[in-house]
Amino acid sequence: TYIPSASDATNGSVTLTATTNDPSNSCNSVSDQLTLYINQASVVDAGSDQVICEGNIVNLNGSMSGGASTVLWTSSGNGSFTSNTSINATYTPSVTDIQNGNVNLIITANDPDGGGPCATSADTVYIQINRMATVNAGFDKTICAGEQTNIIATIGGSASNVMWSTTGSGTFTNPTVPSTTYIPSATD
């Protein structure tokens, strides 16, 4: 077994020689050579995993080396690429991708030597898609002076809590919960 060195691979070939001995000391030794051609394998890197917020695009930062000369991006989801043959493409997640909360993007490099011993290579980058925070403070209300009012906020997406504030000088029974009571001041 011959294990090519890095310089053999860089050169693209190496000559290997087999030489006989002369156990009877009456004949000359003989040799024969073979050339071992070394094709460069394709190497790709899809870049680091990313976390994005719903509504944002994914800026990809792939790389290729070795025998790779072209790439093709594919997705486990239904989003779209600006150019799926560009090493630094952008990806726009689909509604389904956002609902799933993630998508895998796969970069595949070409087979550098066609039917030769090298094959295509691929790498995957994982994209986590966080839902956009949403809040709905409810419908506008009309109350009589001196009354207090119950209010309910509905949160969604990635929101996990709420903080009520006012343009007036009244107070909340608890401004950090979705369902609270607002007590207007005399100046409100």
C-alpha atoms as a PDB file:
ATOM      1  CA  THR A   1       0.000   0.000   0.000  1.00  0.00           C
ATOM      2  CA  TYR A   2       1.336   3.398  -0.956  1.00  0.00           C
ATOM      3  CA  ILE A   3       0.095   6.424   0.965  1.00  0.00           C
ATOM      4  CA  PRO A   4       0.559   9.592  -1.106  1.00  0.00           C
ATOM      5  CA  SER A   5       1.986  12.636   0.652  1.00  0.00           C
ATOM      6  CA  ALA A   6       0.493  16.112   0.483  1.00  0.00           C
ATOM      7  CA  SER A   7       3.125  17.124  -2.078  1.00  0.00           C
ATOM      8  CA  ASP A   8       2.265  14.055  -4.220  1.00  0.00           C
ATOM      9  CA  ALA A   9      -1.361  15.198  -4.212  1.00  0.00           C
ATOM     10  CA  THR A  10      -0.349  18.763  -5.048  1.00  0.00           C
ATOM     11  CA  ASN A  11       1.810  17.551  -7.943  1.00  0.00           C
ATOM     12  CA  GLY A  12      -1.044  15.411  -9.244  1.00  0.00           C
ATOM     13  CA  SER A  13       1.024  12.275  -9.802  1.00  0.00           C
ATOM     14  CA  VAL A  14       3.898  10.202  -8.482  1.00  0.00           C
ATOM     15  CA  THR A  15       6.046   7.491 -10.091  1.00  0.00           C
ATOM     16  CA  LEU A  16       6.337   4.201  -8.229  1.00  0.00           C
ATOM     17  CA  THR A  17       9.162   1.787  -9.092  1.00  0.00           C
ATOM     18  CA  ALA A  18       9.324  -1.959  -8.373  1.00  0.00           C
ATOM     19  CA  THR A  19      12.844  -3.447  -8.514  1.00  0.00           C
ATOM     20  CA  THR A  20      13.759  -7.153  -8.256  1.00  0.00           C
ATOM     21  CA  ASN A  21      16.735  -8.572  -6.424  1.00  0.00           C
ATOM     22  CA  ASP A  22      19.263 -11.022  -7.918  1.00  0.00           C
ATOM     23  CA  PRO A  23      19.355 -13.968  -5.526  1.00  0.00           C
ATOM     24  CA  SER A  24      21.723 -16.059  -7.735  1.00  0.00           C
ATOM     25  CA  ASN A  25      24.133 -13.197  -8.523  1.00  0.00           C
ATOM     26  CA  SER A  26      24.075 -14.238 -12.187  1.00  0.00           C
ATOM     27  CA  CYS A  27      21.355 -11.943 -13.541  1.00  0.00           C
ATOM     28  CA  ASN A  28      20.883  -8.234 -13.336  1.00  0.00           C
ATOM     29  CA  SER A  29      18.062  -6.842 -11.266  1.00  0.00           C
ATOM     30  CA  VAL A  30      15.154  -5.396 -13.246  1.00  0.00           C
ATOM     31  CA  SER A  31      12.622  -2.708 -12.500  1.00  0.00           C
ATOM     32  CA  ASP A  32       9.333  -1.393 -13.798  1.00  0.00           C
ATOM     33  CA  GLN A  33       7.473   1.802 -13.087  1.00  0.00           C
ATOM     34  CA  LEU A  34       3.899   2.870 -12.815  1.00  0.00           C
ATOM     35  CA  THR A  35       2.512   6.352 -12.591  1.00  0.00           C
ATOM     36  CA  LEU A  36      -0.064   6.951  -9.913  1.00  0.00           C
ATOM     37  CA  TYR A  37      -2.294   9.874 -10.902  1.00  0.00           C
ATOM     38  CA  ILE A  38      -3.850  11.690  -7.965  1.00  0.00           C
ATOM     39  CA  ASN A  39      -7.058  13.623  -8.588  1.00  0.00           C
ATOM     40  CA  GLN A  40      -7.973  16.408  -6.185  1.00  0.00           C
ATOM     41  CA  ALA A  41     -11.104  15.623  -4.172  1.00  0.00           C
ATOM     42  CA  SER A  42     -13.822  18.266  -3.875  1.00  0.00           C
ATOM     43  CA  VAL A  43     -14.093  19.864  -0.455  1.00  0.00           C
ATOM     44  CA  VAL A  44     -16.955  22.152   0.641  1.00  0.00           C
ATOM     45  CA  ASP A  45     -17.915  23.864   3.877  1.00  0.00           C
ATOM     46  CA  ALA A  46     -21.434  25.263   4.341  1.00  0.00           C
ATOM     47  CA  GLY A  47     -20.328  27.647   7.098  1.00  0.00           C
ATOM     48  CA  SER A  48     -21.452  27.980  10.706  1.00  0.00           C
ATOM     49  CA  ASP A  49     -24.956  27.205  11.955  1.00  0.00           C
ATOM     50  CA  GLN A  50     -27.113  30.322  12.293  1.00  0.00           C
ATOM     51  CA  VAL A  51     -30.053  31.644  14.308  1.00  0.00           C
ATOM     52  CA  ILE A  52     -32.319  34.170  12.587  1.00  0.00           C
ATOM     53  CA  CYS A  53     -35.598  35.869  13.374  1.00  0.00           C
ATOM     54  CA  GLU A  54     -38.724  35.315  11.307  1.00  0.00           C
ATOM     55  CA  GLY A  55     -38.753  37.765   8.401  1.00  0.00           C
ATOM     56  CA  ASN A  56     -34.968  37.792   7.932  1.00  0.00           C
ATOM     57  CA  ILE A  57     -32.966  36.140   5.178  1.00  0.00           C
ATOM     58  CA  VAL A  58     -30.010  33.812   5.619  1.00  0.00           C
ATOM     59  CA  ASN A  59     -26.667  35.088   4.325  1.00  0.00           C
ATOM     60  CA  LEU A  60     -24.648  31.993   3.438  1.00  0.00           C
ATOM     61  CA  ASN A  61     -20.872  31.936   3.620  1.00  0.00           C
ATOM     62  CA  GLY A  62     -19.765  28.670   2.043  1.00  0.00           C
ATOM     63  CA  SER A  63     -16.334  27.733   0.773  1.00  0.00           C
ATOM     64  CA  MET A  64     -14.910  25.216  -1.663  1.00  0.00           C
ATOM     65  CA  SER A  65     -11.419  23.853  -2.281  1.00  0.00           C
ATOM     66  CA  GLY A  66      -9.568  20.906  -3.729  1.00  0.00           C
ATOM     67  CA  GLY A  67     -10.995  19.864  -7.083  1.00  0.00           C
ATOM     68  CA  ALA A  68     -14.306  21.671  -6.529  1.00  0.00           C
ATOM     69  CA  SER A  69     -15.181  24.159  -9.246  1.00  0.00           C
ATOM     70  CA  THR A  70     -18.966  24.492  -8.887  1.00  0.00           C
ATOM     71  CA  VAL A  71     -21.500  24.200  -6.069  1.00  0.00           C
ATOM     72  CA  LEU A  72     -25.228  23.659  -5.749  1.00  0.00           C
ATOM     73  CA  TRP A  73     -27.280  24.697  -2.681  1.00  0.00           C
ATOM     74  CA  THR A  74     -30.420  22.729  -1.780  1.00  0.00           C
ATOM     75  CA  SER A  75     -32.823  23.008   1.132  1.00  0.00           C
ATOM     76  CA  SER A  76     -34.708  20.612   3.376  1.00  0.00           C
ATOM     77  CA  GLY A  77     -37.481  23.208   3.311  1.00  0.00           C
ATOM     78  CA  ASN A  78     -39.432  25.185   0.738  1.00  0.00           C
ATOM     79  CA  GLY A  79     -37.636  28.539   0.773  1.00  0.00           C
ATOM     80  CA  SER A  80     -35.749  30.086  -2.122  1.00  0.00           C
ATOM     81  CA  PHE A  81     -32.147  30.968  -2.942  1.00  0.00           C
ATOM     82  CA  THR A  82     -31.039  34.122  -4.742  1.00  0.00           C
ATOM     83  CA  SER A  83     -28.748  31.867  -6.771  1.00  0.00           C
ATOM     84  CA  ASN A  84     -28.370  28.265  -5.680  1.00  0.00           C
ATOM     85  CA  THR A  85     -25.085  27.990  -7.623  1.00  0.00           C
ATOM     86  CA  SER A  86     -23.358  30.881  -5.798  1.00  0.00           C
ATOM     87  CA  ILE A  87     -21.011  30.001  -2.934  1.00  0.00           C
ATOM     88  CA  ASN A  88     -22.333  33.035  -0.989  1.00  0.00           C
ATOM     89  CA  ALA A  89     -26.036  32.774  -1.841  1.00  0.00           C
ATOM     90  CA  THR A  90     -28.856  34.104   0.309  1.00  0.00           C
ATOM     91  CA  TYR A  91     -31.845  32.022   1.363  1.00  0.00           C
ATOM     92  CA  THR A  92     -35.355  33.289   2.109  1.00  0.00           C
ATOM     93  CA  PRO A  93     -37.217  30.881   4.424  1.00  0.00           C
ATOM     94  CA  SER A  94     -40.739  29.812   3.436  1.00  0.00           C
ATOM     95  CA  VAL A  95     -43.799  29.961   5.697  1.00  0.00           C
ATOM     96  CA  THR A  96     -43.372  26.219   6.275  1.00  0.00           C
ATOM     97  CA  ASP A  97     -39.706  26.699   7.246  1.00  0.00           C
ATOM     98  CA  ILE A  98     -40.787  29.347   9.769  1.00  0.00           C
ATOM     99  CA  GLN A  99     -43.555  27.129  11.163  1.00  0.00           C
ATOM    100  CA  ASN A 100     -41.067  24.257  11.528  1.00  0.00           C
ATOM    101  CA  GLY A 101     -38.625  26.582  13.292  1.00  0.00           C
ATOM    102  CA  ASN A 102     -35.606  25.391  11.325  1.00  0.00           C
ATOM    103  CA  VAL A 103     -34.219  24.361   7.980  1.00  0.00           C
ATOM    104  CA  ASN A 104     -31.091  22.545   6.776  1.00  0.00           C
ATOM    105  CA  LEU A 105     -29.241  24.020   3.812  1.00  0.00           C
ATOM    106  CA  ILE A 106     -26.933  21.653   1.940  1.00  0.00           C
ATOM    107  CA  ILE A 107     -24.040  22.682  -0.291  1.00  0.00           C
ATOM    108  CA  THR A 108     -22.768  20.065  -2.748  1.00  0.00           C
ATOM    109  CA  ALA A 109     -19.606  20.417  -4.820  1.00  0.00           C
ATOM    110  CA  ASN A 110     -19.172  18.910  -8.247  1.00  0.00           C
ATOM    111  CA  ASP A 111     -17.472  15.592  -8.968  1.00  0.00           C
ATOM    112  CA  PRO A 112     -14.033  16.879 -10.029  1.00  0.00           C
ATOM    113  CA  ASP A 113     -13.065  13.926 -12.224  1.00  0.00           C
ATOM    114  CA  GLY A 114     -16.354  12.686 -13.644  1.00  0.00           C
ATOM    115  CA  GLY A 115     -16.252   8.896 -13.544  1.00  0.00           C
ATOM    116  CA  GLY A 116     -12.915   8.844 -11.716  1.00  0.00           C
ATOM    117  CA  PRO A 117     -12.244   7.768  -8.152  1.00  0.00           C
ATOM    118  CA  CYS A 118     -13.270  11.088  -6.570  1.00  0.00           C
ATOM    119  CA  ALA A 119     -16.896  11.859  -5.788  1.00  0.00           C
ATOM    120  CA  THR A 120     -19.010  14.866  -4.963  1.00  0.00           C
ATOM    121  CA  SER A 121     -18.773  16.276  -1.456  1.00  0.00           C
ATOM    122  CA  ALA A 122     -21.466  17.955   0.622  1.00  0.00           C
ATOM    123  CA  ASP A 123     -21.873  19.835   3.883  1.00  0.00           C
ATOM    124  CA  THR A 124     -24.932  21.049   5.797  1.00  0.00           C
ATOM    125  CA  VAL A 125     -25.632  24.243   7.733  1.00  0.00           C
ATOM    126  CA  TYR A 126     -28.498  24.281  10.274  1.00  0.00           C
ATOM    127  CA  ILE A 127     -30.646  27.415  10.411  1.00  0.00           C
ATOM    128  CA  GLN A 128     -32.819  27.972  13.490  1.00  0.00           C
ATOM    129  CA  ILE A 129     -35.714  30.347  12.787  1.00  0.00           C
ATOM    130  CA  ASN A 130     -37.146  32.087  15.852  1.00  0.00           C
ATOM    131  CA  ARG A 131     -40.711  33.347  15.567  1.00  0.00           C
ATOM    132  CA  MET A 132     -41.191  37.103  15.682  1.00  0.00           C
ATOM    133  CA  ALA A 133     -42.638  38.344  18.967  1.00  0.00           C
ATOM    134  CA  THR A 134     -46.226  39.591  18.664  1.00  0.00           C
ATOM    135  CA  VAL A 135     -48.510  41.447  21.051  1.00  0.00           C
ATOM    136  CA  ASN A 136     -52.094  42.642  20.831  1.00  0.00           C
ATOM    137  CA  ALA A 137     -53.245  45.073  23.569  1.00  0.00           C
ATOM    138  CA  GLY A 138     -56.921  44.459  22.763  1.00  0.00           C
ATOM    139  CA  PHE A 139     -59.663  46.791  21.538  1.00  0.00           C
ATOM    140  CA  ASP A 140     -59.909  50.474  22.430  1.00  0.00           C
ATOM    141  CA  LYS A 141     -62.219  51.126  25.399  1.00  0.00           C
ATOM    142  CA  THR A 142     -64.258  53.975  26.817  1.00  0.00           C
ATOM    143  CA  ILE A 143     -64.797  54.220  30.580  1.00  0.00           C
ATOM    144  CA  CYS A 144     -66.336  56.763  32.920  1.00  0.00           C
ATOM    145  CA  ALA A 145     -64.090  58.975  35.054  1.00  0.00           C
ATOM    146  CA  GLY A 146     -63.275  57.322  38.376  1.00  0.00           C
ATOM    147  CA  GLU A 147     -63.567  53.773  36.971  1.00  0.00           C
ATOM    148  CA  GLN A 148     -60.785  51.275  36.526  1.00  0.00           C
ATOM    149  CA  THR A 149     -60.579  48.842  33.633  1.00  0.00           C
ATOM    150  CA  ASN A 150     -59.411  45.295  33.108  1.00  0.00           C
ATOM    151  CA  ILE A 151     -57.093  44.867  30.122  1.00  0.00           C
ATOM    152  CA  ILE A 152     -55.757  41.743  28.485  1.00  0.00           C
ATOM    153  CA  ALA A 153     -52.781  41.505  26.132  1.00  0.00           C
ATOM    154  CA  THR A 154     -52.339  38.535  23.844  1.00  0.00           C
ATOM    155  CA  ILE A 155     -48.735  37.582  23.092  1.00  0.00           C
ATOM    156  CA  GLY A 156     -47.463  35.215  20.438  1.00  0.00           C
ATOM    157  CA  GLY A 157     -44.478  34.099  18.432  1.00  0.00           C
ATOM    158  CA  SER A 158     -41.344  34.049  20.560  1.00  0.00           C
ATOM    159  CA  ALA A 159     -42.765  36.484  23.162  1.00  0.00           C
ATOM    160  CA  SER A 160     -42.772  35.037  26.672  1.00  0.00           C
ATOM    161  CA  ASN A 161     -43.796  38.051  28.776  1.00  0.00           C
ATOM    162  CA  VAL A 162     -45.293  41.526  28.546  1.00  0.00           C
ATOM    163  CA  MET A 163     -44.671  44.931  30.141  1.00  0.00           C
ATOM    164  CA  TRP A 164     -47.542  47.470  30.256  1.00  0.00           C
ATOM    165  CA  SER A 165     -46.779  51.200  30.185  1.00  0.00           C
ATOM    166  CA  THR A 166     -48.919  54.329  29.928  1.00  0.00           C
ATOM    167  CA  THR A 167     -48.809  57.825  28.452  1.00  0.00           C
ATOM    168  CA  GLY A 168     -50.815  58.985  31.472  1.00  0.00           C
ATOM    169  CA  SER A 169     -50.087  58.978  35.185  1.00  0.00           C
ATOM    170  CA  GLY A 170     -52.356  56.091  36.240  1.00  0.00           C
ATOM    171  CA  THR A 171     -51.129  52.777  37.614  1.00  0.00           C
ATOM    172  CA  PHE A 172     -51.402  49.072  36.835  1.00  0.00           C
ATOM    173  CA  THR A 173     -52.131  46.460  39.481  1.00  0.00           C
ATOM    174  CA  ASN A 174     -49.311  44.435  37.891  1.00  0.00           C
ATOM    175  CA  PRO A 175     -47.680  45.780  34.708  1.00  0.00           C
ATOM    176  CA  THR A 176     -45.748  42.546  34.010  1.00  0.00           C
ATOM    177  CA  VAL A 177     -48.654  40.178  33.342  1.00  0.00           C
ATOM    178  CA  PRO A 178     -50.860  39.990  30.236  1.00  0.00           C
ATOM    179  CA  SER A 179     -54.131  40.369  32.191  1.00  0.00           C
ATOM    180  CA  THR A 180     -54.106  43.326  34.594  1.00  0.00           C
ATOM    181  CA  THR A 181     -56.148  46.286  35.790  1.00  0.00           C
ATOM    182  CA  TYR A 182     -55.427  49.910  34.890  1.00  0.00           C
ATOM    183  CA  ILE A 183     -56.411  52.546  37.440  1.00  0.00           C
ATOM    184  CA  PRO A 184     -56.539  55.996  35.767  1.00  0.00           C
ATOM    185  CA  SER A 185     -55.344  59.026  37.704  1.00  0.00           C
ATOM    186  CA  ALA A 186     -57.455  62.178  38.072  1.00  0.00           C
ATOM    187  CA  THR A 187     -55.367  63.866  35.335  1.00  0.00           C
ATOM    188  CA  ASP A 188     -55.884  61.010  32.854  1.00  0.00           C
END
